[in-house]
N, C-alpha and C. Protein backbone atom coordinates (compact mmCIF):
# COMPACT_ATOMS: atom_id res chain seq x y z
N MET A 1 -14.81 -8.78 6.97
CA MET A 1 -13.56 -8.47 6.28
C MET A 1 -13.76 -7.40 5.22
N SER A 2 -12.88 -6.45 5.21
CA SER A 2 -12.94 -5.39 4.20
C SER A 2 -12.46 -5.90 2.85
N ARG A 3 -12.91 -5.25 1.81
CA ARG A 3 -12.37 -5.50 0.46
C ARG A 3 -12.16 -4.14 -0.18
N ILE A 4 -10.90 -3.77 -0.29
CA ILE A 4 -10.56 -2.46 -0.85
C ILE A 4 -9.52 -2.66 -1.95
N ILE A 5 -9.71 -1.98 -3.07
CA ILE A 5 -8.71 -1.97 -4.14
C ILE A 5 -8.04 -0.60 -4.12
N SER A 6 -6.70 -0.62 -4.16
CA SER A 6 -5.91 0.62 -4.14
C SER A 6 -5.01 0.63 -5.37
N PRO A 7 -5.49 1.16 -6.50
CA PRO A 7 -4.69 1.15 -7.73
C PRO A 7 -3.40 1.97 -7.56
N SER A 8 -2.29 1.38 -7.98
CA SER A 8 -0.99 2.03 -7.83
C SER A 8 -0.70 2.96 -9.00
N LEU A 9 -0.51 4.23 -8.68
CA LEU A 9 -0.25 5.22 -9.72
C LEU A 9 1.10 5.04 -10.40
N LEU A 10 1.94 4.18 -9.85
CA LEU A 10 3.24 3.90 -10.48
C LEU A 10 3.03 3.38 -11.90
N SER A 11 1.88 2.74 -12.14
CA SER A 11 1.58 2.17 -13.46
C SER A 11 0.70 3.08 -14.31
N ALA A 12 0.35 4.24 -13.78
CA ALA A 12 -0.53 5.16 -14.52
C ALA A 12 0.24 5.86 -15.65
N ASN A 13 -0.50 6.53 -16.50
CA ASN A 13 0.10 7.29 -17.61
C ASN A 13 0.39 8.71 -17.13
N PHE A 14 1.65 8.99 -16.82
CA PHE A 14 1.99 10.32 -16.28
C PHE A 14 1.97 11.40 -17.35
N GLY A 15 1.82 11.00 -18.60
CA GLY A 15 1.63 11.99 -19.65
C GLY A 15 0.20 12.48 -19.71
N ASN A 16 -0.68 11.76 -19.04
CA ASN A 16 -2.10 12.14 -19.01
C ASN A 16 -2.71 11.68 -17.69
N LEU A 17 -2.08 12.11 -16.59
CA LEU A 17 -2.47 11.63 -15.26
C LEU A 17 -3.88 12.06 -14.88
N ASP A 18 -4.28 13.25 -15.32
CA ASP A 18 -5.63 13.72 -15.01
C ASP A 18 -6.69 12.73 -15.47
N ALA A 19 -6.50 12.19 -16.68
CA ALA A 19 -7.48 11.26 -17.24
C ALA A 19 -7.56 9.99 -16.40
N ASP A 20 -6.40 9.49 -15.96
CA ASP A 20 -6.40 8.28 -15.13
C ASP A 20 -7.04 8.54 -13.78
N LEU A 21 -6.79 9.70 -13.20
CA LEU A 21 -7.39 10.03 -11.90
C LEU A 21 -8.90 10.22 -12.03
N ASP A 22 -9.33 10.83 -13.13
CA ASP A 22 -10.78 10.97 -13.37
C ASP A 22 -11.43 9.61 -13.52
N MET A 23 -10.73 8.69 -14.19
CA MET A 23 -11.24 7.32 -14.35
C MET A 23 -11.38 6.65 -12.99
N LEU A 24 -10.35 6.80 -12.14
CA LEU A 24 -10.39 6.19 -10.82
C LEU A 24 -11.50 6.79 -9.95
N ASN A 25 -11.73 8.09 -10.12
CA ASN A 25 -12.80 8.75 -9.35
C ASN A 25 -14.17 8.11 -9.64
N LEU A 26 -14.33 7.60 -10.85
CA LEU A 26 -15.60 6.99 -11.26
C LEU A 26 -15.64 5.49 -10.97
N SER A 27 -14.52 4.96 -10.50
CA SER A 27 -14.39 3.51 -10.31
C SER A 27 -14.82 3.08 -8.90
N ALA A 28 -14.82 1.76 -8.69
CA ALA A 28 -15.17 1.19 -7.39
C ALA A 28 -13.98 1.14 -6.44
N ALA A 29 -12.82 1.61 -6.87
CA ALA A 29 -11.65 1.65 -5.99
C ALA A 29 -11.88 2.71 -4.91
N GLU A 30 -11.60 2.35 -3.65
CA GLU A 30 -11.80 3.30 -2.55
C GLU A 30 -10.54 4.12 -2.28
N TRP A 31 -9.38 3.54 -2.59
CA TRP A 31 -8.11 4.19 -2.31
C TRP A 31 -7.32 4.39 -3.60
N VAL A 32 -6.31 5.26 -3.53
CA VAL A 32 -5.32 5.39 -4.60
C VAL A 32 -3.95 5.29 -3.94
N HIS A 33 -3.08 4.45 -4.52
CA HIS A 33 -1.80 4.08 -3.91
C HIS A 33 -0.65 4.86 -4.57
N LEU A 34 0.15 5.51 -3.72
CA LEU A 34 1.31 6.26 -4.23
C LEU A 34 2.59 5.67 -3.62
N ASP A 35 3.46 5.16 -4.48
CA ASP A 35 4.74 4.58 -4.05
C ASP A 35 5.82 5.64 -4.10
N ILE A 36 6.40 5.95 -2.95
CA ILE A 36 7.46 6.96 -2.86
C ILE A 36 8.80 6.24 -2.72
N MET A 37 9.66 6.39 -3.74
CA MET A 37 10.96 5.71 -3.76
C MET A 37 12.08 6.73 -3.84
N ASP A 38 13.15 6.47 -3.07
CA ASP A 38 14.23 7.47 -2.96
C ASP A 38 15.53 7.07 -3.65
N GLY A 39 15.57 5.88 -4.27
CA GLY A 39 16.80 5.45 -4.91
C GLY A 39 17.85 4.95 -3.92
N ARG A 40 17.50 4.90 -2.65
CA ARG A 40 18.43 4.42 -1.62
C ARG A 40 17.86 3.19 -0.92
N PHE A 41 16.66 3.30 -0.38
CA PHE A 41 16.03 2.13 0.24
C PHE A 41 15.68 1.09 -0.82
N VAL A 42 15.28 1.58 -1.99
CA VAL A 42 15.02 0.72 -3.15
C VAL A 42 15.79 1.29 -4.35
N PRO A 43 16.14 0.44 -5.33
CA PRO A 43 16.95 0.90 -6.46
C PRO A 43 16.14 1.60 -7.54
N ASN A 44 15.34 2.55 -7.15
CA ASN A 44 14.54 3.28 -8.12
C ASN A 44 14.09 4.59 -7.48
N ILE A 45 13.72 5.56 -8.29
CA ILE A 45 13.19 6.85 -7.80
C ILE A 45 11.84 7.06 -8.47
N SER A 46 10.83 7.42 -7.68
CA SER A 46 9.51 7.63 -8.27
C SER A 46 9.15 9.10 -8.30
N PHE A 47 8.41 9.57 -7.30
CA PHE A 47 7.97 10.96 -7.31
C PHE A 47 7.87 11.49 -5.89
N GLY A 48 7.73 12.82 -5.78
CA GLY A 48 7.75 13.46 -4.47
C GLY A 48 6.53 14.32 -4.20
N PHE A 49 6.72 15.33 -3.38
CA PHE A 49 5.61 16.13 -2.87
C PHE A 49 4.78 16.86 -3.93
N PRO A 50 5.38 17.43 -4.99
CA PRO A 50 4.54 18.12 -5.98
C PRO A 50 3.52 17.20 -6.63
N VAL A 51 3.92 15.95 -6.92
CA VAL A 51 2.99 15.00 -7.53
C VAL A 51 1.90 14.61 -6.55
N ILE A 52 2.28 14.38 -5.29
CA ILE A 52 1.30 14.00 -4.28
C ILE A 52 0.25 15.10 -4.11
N LYS A 53 0.70 16.34 -4.05
CA LYS A 53 -0.23 17.47 -3.91
C LYS A 53 -1.15 17.57 -5.12
N ALA A 54 -0.60 17.33 -6.32
CA ALA A 54 -1.41 17.40 -7.53
C ALA A 54 -2.47 16.29 -7.56
N VAL A 55 -2.07 15.10 -7.11
CA VAL A 55 -3.03 13.98 -7.05
C VAL A 55 -4.12 14.28 -6.03
N LYS A 56 -3.71 14.81 -4.88
CA LYS A 56 -4.66 15.14 -3.82
C LYS A 56 -5.72 16.12 -4.31
N ALA A 57 -5.30 17.07 -5.12
CA ALA A 57 -6.23 18.09 -5.63
C ALA A 57 -7.23 17.51 -6.63
N ARG A 58 -6.88 16.36 -7.21
CA ARG A 58 -7.70 15.80 -8.29
C ARG A 58 -8.54 14.60 -7.85
N THR A 59 -8.02 13.84 -6.89
CA THR A 59 -8.69 12.58 -6.54
C THR A 59 -9.77 12.76 -5.49
N GLN A 60 -10.75 11.86 -5.54
CA GLN A 60 -11.80 11.80 -4.52
C GLN A 60 -11.59 10.58 -3.62
N LYS A 61 -10.47 9.90 -3.82
CA LYS A 61 -10.18 8.66 -3.11
C LYS A 61 -9.25 8.89 -1.92
N VAL A 62 -9.20 7.90 -1.04
CA VAL A 62 -8.27 7.94 0.10
C VAL A 62 -6.84 7.87 -0.41
N MET A 63 -6.00 8.79 0.06
CA MET A 63 -4.60 8.86 -0.38
C MET A 63 -3.76 7.88 0.45
N ASP A 64 -3.38 6.78 -0.19
CA ASP A 64 -2.66 5.67 0.43
C ASP A 64 -1.19 5.77 0.02
N VAL A 65 -0.35 6.30 0.91
CA VAL A 65 1.05 6.62 0.56
C VAL A 65 2.00 5.62 1.20
N HIS A 66 2.82 5.00 0.37
CA HIS A 66 3.75 3.95 0.79
C HIS A 66 5.18 4.47 0.64
N LEU A 67 5.85 4.66 1.79
CA LEU A 67 7.20 5.21 1.78
C LEU A 67 8.25 4.11 1.68
N MET A 68 8.93 4.05 0.54
CA MET A 68 10.07 3.15 0.36
C MET A 68 11.32 4.02 0.38
N ILE A 69 11.57 4.60 1.56
CA ILE A 69 12.66 5.56 1.70
C ILE A 69 13.40 5.32 3.03
N VAL A 70 14.64 5.75 3.07
CA VAL A 70 15.38 5.72 4.33
C VAL A 70 14.97 6.94 5.16
N GLU A 71 15.11 6.86 6.44
CA GLU A 71 14.79 7.94 7.38
C GLU A 71 13.41 8.57 7.14
N PRO A 72 12.37 7.75 7.10
CA PRO A 72 11.03 8.28 6.84
C PRO A 72 10.56 9.28 7.90
N ASP A 73 11.10 9.17 9.11
CA ASP A 73 10.69 10.08 10.20
C ASP A 73 10.89 11.55 9.84
N LEU A 74 11.88 11.83 9.01
CA LEU A 74 12.19 13.21 8.64
C LEU A 74 11.08 13.85 7.81
N TYR A 75 10.22 13.02 7.21
CA TYR A 75 9.26 13.53 6.23
C TYR A 75 7.79 13.29 6.58
N VAL A 76 7.53 12.67 7.73
CA VAL A 76 6.15 12.30 8.09
C VAL A 76 5.22 13.51 8.03
N GLU A 77 5.63 14.60 8.64
CA GLU A 77 4.78 15.79 8.68
C GLU A 77 4.54 16.36 7.29
N LYS A 78 5.58 16.34 6.44
CA LYS A 78 5.44 16.88 5.08
C LYS A 78 4.49 16.03 4.24
N PHE A 79 4.52 14.72 4.44
CA PHE A 79 3.59 13.86 3.70
C PHE A 79 2.16 14.10 4.16
N CYS A 80 1.99 14.37 5.43
CA CYS A 80 0.67 14.72 5.95
C CYS A 80 0.17 16.00 5.31
N GLN A 81 1.03 17.00 5.26
CA GLN A 81 0.67 18.29 4.66
C GLN A 81 0.36 18.16 3.16
N ALA A 82 1.04 17.20 2.51
CA ALA A 82 0.85 17.00 1.06
C ALA A 82 -0.46 16.28 0.75
N GLY A 83 -1.06 15.63 1.77
CA GLY A 83 -2.36 15.02 1.56
C GLY A 83 -2.48 13.55 1.89
N ALA A 84 -1.41 12.93 2.41
CA ALA A 84 -1.49 11.52 2.77
C ALA A 84 -2.53 11.29 3.86
N GLN A 85 -3.35 10.27 3.70
CA GLN A 85 -4.33 9.91 4.72
C GLN A 85 -3.99 8.58 5.38
N VAL A 86 -3.36 7.70 4.60
CA VAL A 86 -2.76 6.47 5.12
C VAL A 86 -1.28 6.55 4.78
N LEU A 87 -0.42 6.46 5.80
CA LEU A 87 1.02 6.57 5.56
C LEU A 87 1.69 5.29 6.07
N THR A 88 2.36 4.59 5.15
CA THR A 88 2.99 3.31 5.47
C THR A 88 4.51 3.44 5.39
N VAL A 89 5.17 2.99 6.44
CA VAL A 89 6.63 2.99 6.49
C VAL A 89 7.11 1.53 6.55
N HIS A 90 8.36 1.31 6.18
CA HIS A 90 8.93 -0.03 6.22
C HIS A 90 9.57 -0.30 7.57
N VAL A 91 9.27 -1.48 8.12
CA VAL A 91 9.89 -1.88 9.39
C VAL A 91 11.41 -1.88 9.26
N GLU A 92 11.91 -2.20 8.06
CA GLU A 92 13.36 -2.28 7.84
C GLU A 92 14.01 -0.89 7.85
N ALA A 93 13.22 0.16 7.69
CA ALA A 93 13.76 1.52 7.60
C ALA A 93 13.59 2.31 8.89
N CYS A 94 12.92 1.71 9.88
CA CYS A 94 12.60 2.45 11.10
C CYS A 94 13.34 1.88 12.31
N THR A 95 14.28 2.66 12.84
CA THR A 95 15.01 2.23 14.04
C THR A 95 14.09 2.24 15.25
N HIS A 96 13.19 3.21 15.31
CA HIS A 96 12.26 3.34 16.43
C HIS A 96 10.84 3.30 15.87
N LEU A 97 10.41 2.12 15.46
CA LEU A 97 9.14 1.96 14.76
C LEU A 97 7.96 2.42 15.61
N HIS A 98 7.96 2.09 16.88
CA HIS A 98 6.86 2.46 17.77
C HIS A 98 6.67 3.98 17.76
N ARG A 99 7.77 4.70 17.88
CA ARG A 99 7.72 6.17 17.89
C ARG A 99 7.23 6.71 16.55
N THR A 100 7.71 6.11 15.46
CA THR A 100 7.30 6.54 14.13
C THR A 100 5.79 6.40 13.94
N LEU A 101 5.25 5.27 14.34
CA LEU A 101 3.80 5.03 14.21
C LEU A 101 3.00 5.99 15.07
N GLN A 102 3.47 6.24 16.28
CA GLN A 102 2.80 7.21 17.15
C GLN A 102 2.77 8.60 16.52
N ASN A 103 3.87 8.96 15.89
CA ASN A 103 3.97 10.27 15.24
C ASN A 103 2.98 10.37 14.08
N ILE A 104 2.91 9.33 13.26
CA ILE A 104 1.97 9.31 12.13
C ILE A 104 0.53 9.48 12.62
N LYS A 105 0.17 8.73 13.65
CA LYS A 105 -1.19 8.76 14.18
C LYS A 105 -1.51 10.10 14.85
N SER A 106 -0.49 10.69 15.49
CA SER A 106 -0.71 11.97 16.17
C SER A 106 -1.07 13.09 15.19
N LEU A 107 -0.69 12.90 13.93
CA LEU A 107 -0.98 13.91 12.90
C LEU A 107 -2.33 13.64 12.21
N GLY A 108 -3.02 12.59 12.66
CA GLY A 108 -4.36 12.32 12.12
C GLY A 108 -4.39 11.35 10.97
N MET A 109 -3.25 10.76 10.63
CA MET A 109 -3.21 9.78 9.54
C MET A 109 -3.34 8.37 10.09
N LYS A 110 -3.73 7.43 9.24
CA LYS A 110 -3.66 6.01 9.56
C LYS A 110 -2.22 5.57 9.36
N ALA A 111 -1.72 4.72 10.28
CA ALA A 111 -0.31 4.31 10.23
C ALA A 111 -0.18 2.87 9.75
N GLY A 112 0.62 2.69 8.71
CA GLY A 112 0.85 1.37 8.16
C GLY A 112 2.31 0.94 8.31
N VAL A 113 2.53 -0.38 8.38
CA VAL A 113 3.88 -0.93 8.44
C VAL A 113 4.05 -1.94 7.31
N ALA A 114 5.07 -1.75 6.48
CA ALA A 114 5.34 -2.66 5.37
C ALA A 114 6.47 -3.61 5.72
N LEU A 115 6.35 -4.85 5.22
CA LEU A 115 7.38 -5.87 5.41
C LEU A 115 7.85 -6.38 4.06
N ASN A 116 9.16 -6.35 3.83
CA ASN A 116 9.74 -6.92 2.62
C ASN A 116 9.58 -8.44 2.62
N PRO A 117 9.71 -9.08 1.46
CA PRO A 117 9.49 -10.52 1.38
C PRO A 117 10.31 -11.35 2.37
N HIS A 118 11.52 -10.92 2.69
CA HIS A 118 12.38 -11.72 3.57
C HIS A 118 12.15 -11.43 5.06
N THR A 119 11.34 -10.41 5.36
CA THR A 119 11.17 -9.97 6.75
C THR A 119 10.08 -10.77 7.45
N PRO A 120 10.39 -11.39 8.58
CA PRO A 120 9.40 -12.21 9.28
C PRO A 120 8.33 -11.37 9.96
N ILE A 121 7.13 -11.92 10.10
CA ILE A 121 6.05 -11.17 10.74
C ILE A 121 6.33 -10.94 12.23
N SER A 122 7.24 -11.72 12.80
CA SER A 122 7.60 -11.53 14.21
C SER A 122 8.19 -10.14 14.45
N SER A 123 8.70 -9.52 13.38
CA SER A 123 9.32 -8.19 13.52
C SER A 123 8.31 -7.10 13.84
N VAL A 124 7.02 -7.38 13.64
CA VAL A 124 6.00 -6.36 13.91
C VAL A 124 5.06 -6.79 15.04
N GLU A 125 5.38 -7.87 15.70
CA GLU A 125 4.51 -8.39 16.76
C GLU A 125 4.26 -7.37 17.86
N GLU A 126 5.28 -6.60 18.20
CA GLU A 126 5.16 -5.65 19.32
C GLU A 126 4.35 -4.40 18.96
N VAL A 127 4.04 -4.21 17.67
CA VAL A 127 3.22 -3.05 17.28
C VAL A 127 1.90 -3.52 16.66
N ALA A 128 1.53 -4.77 16.93
CA ALA A 128 0.33 -5.36 16.32
C ALA A 128 -0.93 -4.56 16.62
N THR A 129 -1.00 -3.98 17.81
CA THR A 129 -2.20 -3.22 18.18
C THR A 129 -2.03 -1.71 18.02
N LEU A 130 -0.86 -1.29 17.57
CA LEU A 130 -0.62 0.14 17.36
C LEU A 130 -0.86 0.55 15.92
N ALA A 131 -0.37 -0.25 14.98
CA ALA A 131 -0.53 0.07 13.56
C ALA A 131 -1.97 -0.14 13.12
N ASP A 132 -2.39 0.64 12.12
CA ASP A 132 -3.73 0.50 11.55
C ASP A 132 -3.75 -0.46 10.37
N MET A 133 -2.55 -0.74 9.82
CA MET A 133 -2.47 -1.60 8.64
C MET A 133 -1.07 -2.20 8.55
N PHE A 134 -1.02 -3.42 8.03
CA PHE A 134 0.25 -4.08 7.75
C PHE A 134 0.28 -4.43 6.26
N LEU A 135 1.37 -4.05 5.61
CA LEU A 135 1.52 -4.27 4.17
C LEU A 135 2.52 -5.38 3.91
N ILE A 136 2.04 -6.47 3.33
CA ILE A 136 2.90 -7.57 2.93
C ILE A 136 3.36 -7.31 1.50
N MET A 137 4.67 -7.13 1.33
CA MET A 137 5.23 -6.97 -0.01
C MET A 137 5.35 -8.36 -0.63
N SER A 138 4.64 -8.58 -1.72
CA SER A 138 4.65 -9.89 -2.38
C SER A 138 5.56 -9.89 -3.60
N VAL A 139 6.37 -8.84 -3.72
CA VAL A 139 7.52 -8.78 -4.63
C VAL A 139 8.59 -8.00 -3.87
N ASN A 140 9.82 -8.04 -4.36
CA ASN A 140 10.85 -7.19 -3.78
C ASN A 140 10.62 -5.76 -4.27
N PRO A 141 10.50 -4.80 -3.35
CA PRO A 141 10.06 -3.45 -3.74
C PRO A 141 11.07 -2.71 -4.60
N GLY A 142 10.55 -1.80 -5.42
CA GLY A 142 11.41 -0.96 -6.23
C GLY A 142 10.98 -0.84 -7.67
N PHE A 143 10.27 -1.84 -8.17
CA PHE A 143 9.84 -1.82 -9.57
C PHE A 143 8.45 -2.41 -9.70
N GLY A 144 7.68 -1.88 -10.65
CA GLY A 144 6.37 -2.43 -10.94
C GLY A 144 6.48 -3.63 -11.87
N GLY A 145 5.39 -4.39 -11.97
CA GLY A 145 5.32 -5.46 -12.95
C GLY A 145 6.05 -6.74 -12.60
N GLN A 146 6.44 -6.94 -11.34
CA GLN A 146 7.15 -8.15 -10.97
C GLN A 146 6.20 -9.32 -10.70
N LYS A 147 6.78 -10.53 -10.70
CA LYS A 147 5.99 -11.74 -10.48
C LYS A 147 5.72 -11.94 -9.00
N PHE A 148 4.50 -12.30 -8.69
CA PHE A 148 4.04 -12.55 -7.32
C PHE A 148 4.84 -13.67 -6.66
N ILE A 149 5.29 -13.44 -5.42
CA ILE A 149 6.00 -14.46 -4.65
C ILE A 149 4.97 -15.32 -3.92
N GLU A 150 4.87 -16.59 -4.31
CA GLU A 150 3.79 -17.47 -3.84
C GLU A 150 3.77 -17.64 -2.32
N ASN A 151 4.93 -17.63 -1.69
CA ASN A 151 5.00 -17.80 -0.24
C ASN A 151 4.24 -16.70 0.52
N SER A 152 3.94 -15.62 -0.19
CA SER A 152 3.24 -14.49 0.45
C SER A 152 1.87 -14.90 0.99
N LEU A 153 1.23 -15.87 0.35
CA LEU A 153 -0.10 -16.31 0.81
C LEU A 153 -0.01 -16.89 2.23
N ASP A 154 0.99 -17.71 2.47
CA ASP A 154 1.17 -18.28 3.80
C ASP A 154 1.53 -17.20 4.81
N LYS A 155 2.30 -16.23 4.36
CA LYS A 155 2.70 -15.13 5.24
C LYS A 155 1.48 -14.31 5.65
N ILE A 156 0.56 -14.09 4.72
CA ILE A 156 -0.68 -13.37 5.02
C ILE A 156 -1.50 -14.14 6.06
N ARG A 157 -1.61 -15.45 5.87
CA ARG A 157 -2.36 -16.28 6.82
C ARG A 157 -1.77 -16.19 8.23
N ARG A 158 -0.43 -16.26 8.30
CA ARG A 158 0.22 -16.22 9.61
C ARG A 158 0.08 -14.84 10.25
N LEU A 159 0.13 -13.79 9.43
CA LEU A 159 -0.07 -12.44 9.96
C LEU A 159 -1.49 -12.28 10.46
N LYS A 160 -2.45 -12.79 9.71
CA LYS A 160 -3.86 -12.70 10.11
C LYS A 160 -4.07 -13.40 11.45
N GLN A 161 -3.46 -14.55 11.60
CA GLN A 161 -3.59 -15.31 12.85
C GLN A 161 -2.98 -14.54 14.02
N MET A 162 -1.81 -13.94 13.78
CA MET A 162 -1.16 -13.17 14.84
C MET A 162 -2.00 -11.97 15.26
N LEU A 163 -2.57 -11.26 14.29
CA LEU A 163 -3.39 -10.09 14.59
C LEU A 163 -4.65 -10.49 15.37
N THR A 164 -5.23 -11.61 14.98
CA THR A 164 -6.42 -12.11 15.68
C THR A 164 -6.09 -12.45 17.13
N GLU A 165 -4.97 -13.13 17.32
CA GLU A 165 -4.56 -13.51 18.67
C GLU A 165 -4.25 -12.30 19.55
N LYS A 166 -3.76 -11.22 18.91
CA LYS A 166 -3.41 -10.00 19.65
C LYS A 166 -4.62 -9.08 19.84
N GLY A 167 -5.74 -9.43 19.21
CA GLY A 167 -6.92 -8.58 19.31
C GLY A 167 -6.81 -7.32 18.47
N SER A 168 -6.02 -7.39 17.40
CA SER A 168 -5.81 -6.23 16.53
C SER A 168 -6.83 -6.20 15.40
N ASN A 169 -7.35 -5.02 15.10
CA ASN A 169 -8.27 -4.83 13.98
C ASN A 169 -7.57 -4.26 12.76
N ALA A 170 -6.24 -4.31 12.74
CA ALA A 170 -5.48 -3.73 11.63
C ALA A 170 -5.81 -4.41 10.31
N LEU A 171 -5.82 -3.62 9.26
CA LEU A 171 -6.03 -4.15 7.91
C LEU A 171 -4.75 -4.83 7.43
N ILE A 172 -4.91 -5.76 6.51
CA ILE A 172 -3.77 -6.38 5.83
C ILE A 172 -3.81 -5.97 4.37
N GLN A 173 -2.74 -5.34 3.93
CA GLN A 173 -2.62 -4.90 2.54
C GLN A 173 -1.57 -5.76 1.83
N VAL A 174 -1.76 -6.00 0.55
CA VAL A 174 -0.81 -6.78 -0.25
C VAL A 174 -0.44 -5.98 -1.49
N ASP A 175 0.86 -5.94 -1.78
CA ASP A 175 1.36 -5.15 -2.91
C ASP A 175 2.41 -5.95 -3.66
N GLY A 176 2.16 -6.16 -4.95
CA GLY A 176 3.15 -6.82 -5.80
C GLY A 176 2.60 -8.01 -6.55
N GLY A 177 2.47 -7.89 -7.85
CA GLY A 177 2.02 -9.01 -8.66
C GLY A 177 0.57 -9.39 -8.44
N VAL A 178 -0.23 -8.43 -7.98
CA VAL A 178 -1.65 -8.69 -7.71
C VAL A 178 -2.46 -8.58 -9.00
N GLY A 179 -3.34 -9.54 -9.24
CA GLY A 179 -4.17 -9.49 -10.44
C GLY A 179 -5.38 -10.38 -10.31
N ALA A 180 -6.12 -10.52 -11.39
CA ALA A 180 -7.35 -11.32 -11.38
C ALA A 180 -7.06 -12.78 -11.05
N GLY A 181 -5.86 -13.24 -11.34
CA GLY A 181 -5.52 -14.64 -11.13
C GLY A 181 -5.28 -15.02 -9.67
N ASN A 182 -4.97 -14.04 -8.83
CA ASN A 182 -4.70 -14.39 -7.43
C ASN A 182 -5.50 -13.58 -6.41
N ALA A 183 -6.35 -12.67 -6.86
CA ALA A 183 -7.11 -11.81 -5.94
C ALA A 183 -7.97 -12.63 -4.98
N ALA A 184 -8.65 -13.66 -5.50
CA ALA A 184 -9.52 -14.47 -4.65
C ALA A 184 -8.72 -15.17 -3.56
N ALA A 185 -7.55 -15.72 -3.92
CA ALA A 185 -6.70 -16.41 -2.94
C ALA A 185 -6.18 -15.44 -1.89
N LEU A 186 -5.89 -14.22 -2.30
CA LEU A 186 -5.38 -13.21 -1.36
C LEU A 186 -6.45 -12.81 -0.35
N PHE A 187 -7.66 -12.57 -0.83
CA PHE A 187 -8.76 -12.23 0.08
C PHE A 187 -9.04 -13.41 1.03
N GLU A 188 -9.01 -14.61 0.47
CA GLU A 188 -9.29 -15.81 1.27
C GLU A 188 -8.24 -16.00 2.35
N ALA A 189 -7.00 -15.63 2.05
CA ALA A 189 -5.90 -15.78 3.02
C ALA A 189 -5.99 -14.77 4.15
N GLY A 190 -6.74 -13.67 3.92
CA GLY A 190 -6.90 -12.69 4.99
C GLY A 190 -6.62 -11.26 4.59
N ALA A 191 -6.31 -11.03 3.32
CA ALA A 191 -6.04 -9.66 2.87
C ALA A 191 -7.31 -8.82 2.86
N ASP A 192 -7.16 -7.54 3.17
CA ASP A 192 -8.27 -6.59 3.13
C ASP A 192 -8.13 -5.58 2.00
N VAL A 193 -6.88 -5.23 1.69
CA VAL A 193 -6.59 -4.18 0.70
C VAL A 193 -5.61 -4.74 -0.33
N LEU A 194 -5.99 -4.70 -1.60
CA LEU A 194 -5.10 -5.15 -2.67
C LEU A 194 -4.61 -3.95 -3.46
N VAL A 195 -3.29 -3.83 -3.56
CA VAL A 195 -2.68 -2.80 -4.40
C VAL A 195 -2.47 -3.42 -5.78
N ALA A 196 -3.04 -2.79 -6.79
CA ALA A 196 -2.92 -3.32 -8.15
C ALA A 196 -2.48 -2.19 -9.09
N GLY A 197 -1.39 -2.41 -9.78
CA GLY A 197 -0.87 -1.41 -10.70
C GLY A 197 -1.09 -1.81 -12.14
N ASN A 198 -0.21 -2.69 -12.64
CA ASN A 198 -0.31 -3.14 -14.03
C ASN A 198 -1.65 -3.79 -14.33
N ALA A 199 -2.16 -4.57 -13.37
CA ALA A 199 -3.43 -5.27 -13.60
C ALA A 199 -4.55 -4.29 -13.93
N VAL A 200 -4.54 -3.13 -13.30
CA VAL A 200 -5.58 -2.13 -13.54
C VAL A 200 -5.27 -1.29 -14.77
N PHE A 201 -4.09 -0.68 -14.78
CA PHE A 201 -3.83 0.32 -15.81
C PHE A 201 -3.48 -0.25 -17.19
N SER A 202 -3.13 -1.53 -17.24
CA SER A 202 -2.88 -2.14 -18.56
C SER A 202 -4.11 -2.87 -19.07
N ALA A 203 -5.17 -2.89 -18.26
CA ALA A 203 -6.41 -3.57 -18.67
C ALA A 203 -7.13 -2.77 -19.75
N GLU A 204 -7.85 -3.49 -20.61
CA GLU A 204 -8.61 -2.82 -21.67
C GLU A 204 -9.68 -1.92 -21.05
N ASP A 205 -10.26 -2.37 -19.95
CA ASP A 205 -11.26 -1.59 -19.21
C ASP A 205 -10.85 -1.57 -17.73
N PRO A 206 -10.07 -0.56 -17.31
CA PRO A 206 -9.57 -0.52 -15.93
C PRO A 206 -10.67 -0.55 -14.87
N GLN A 207 -11.77 0.14 -15.12
CA GLN A 207 -12.86 0.15 -14.14
C GLN A 207 -13.45 -1.24 -13.97
N LYS A 208 -13.59 -1.96 -15.06
CA LYS A 208 -14.13 -3.32 -15.01
C LYS A 208 -13.15 -4.24 -14.28
N MET A 209 -11.85 -4.03 -14.49
CA MET A 209 -10.84 -4.84 -13.81
C MET A 209 -10.90 -4.62 -12.30
N ILE A 210 -11.10 -3.38 -11.87
CA ILE A 210 -11.23 -3.08 -10.44
C ILE A 210 -12.43 -3.85 -9.86
N GLU A 211 -13.53 -3.86 -10.58
CA GLU A 211 -14.72 -4.60 -10.13
C GLU A 211 -14.46 -6.10 -10.09
N THR A 212 -13.71 -6.60 -11.07
CA THR A 212 -13.36 -8.03 -11.12
C THR A 212 -12.52 -8.40 -9.90
N LEU A 213 -11.56 -7.56 -9.55
CA LEU A 213 -10.72 -7.83 -8.38
C LEU A 213 -11.55 -7.82 -7.09
N LEU A 214 -12.46 -6.88 -6.99
CA LEU A 214 -13.30 -6.76 -5.79
C LEU A 214 -14.20 -7.98 -5.60
N LYS A 215 -14.67 -8.54 -6.72
CA LYS A 215 -15.62 -9.65 -6.66
C LYS A 215 -14.94 -11.01 -6.69
N ALA A 216 -13.61 -11.01 -6.70
CA ALA A 216 -12.87 -12.27 -6.85
C ALA A 216 -13.19 -13.26 -5.73
């Protein structure tokens, strides 16, 4: 089982983003997580291509881009050009999910599928062996700092079981309310990648917090 920490830049200090990216470059985190929000799929707006390109130029980590937008198909190629290496779309936003995932992979990126808290894992059963990663949202997407939804642990277990039965090697990522208090339970349930925003960037020693999460 993999253990990867993907700190979410949504919680970083955008007044001094270079310093936070330099800190992450020296940390044990393998990925950096970028949440793209359009104000339509979720009730918030985050950042777009100029920020992604700037992060790409500065980071030494895998660019893990999570699209919380409507009509993600229109922008897949642009996100690839901006530097995304893992591109995750929401099952709720994709009318033709199979085609979307094929398109992402054809451009050389890893393809991820995100599920909102209310969305059953059965909705992704038919793409279990196509996607490279499945993202369980453990809060309702749109804002950082929310409380972890406890039912997510059971959902991770059920997803892990389904992937095993299908012979899928896809990673399981978890995003929302992740911290030192639940990291061990998340890994134990079957998670491979933990997205942590506030837990990392509000910590007195962010690099030490990343190590704490990895060793949970």
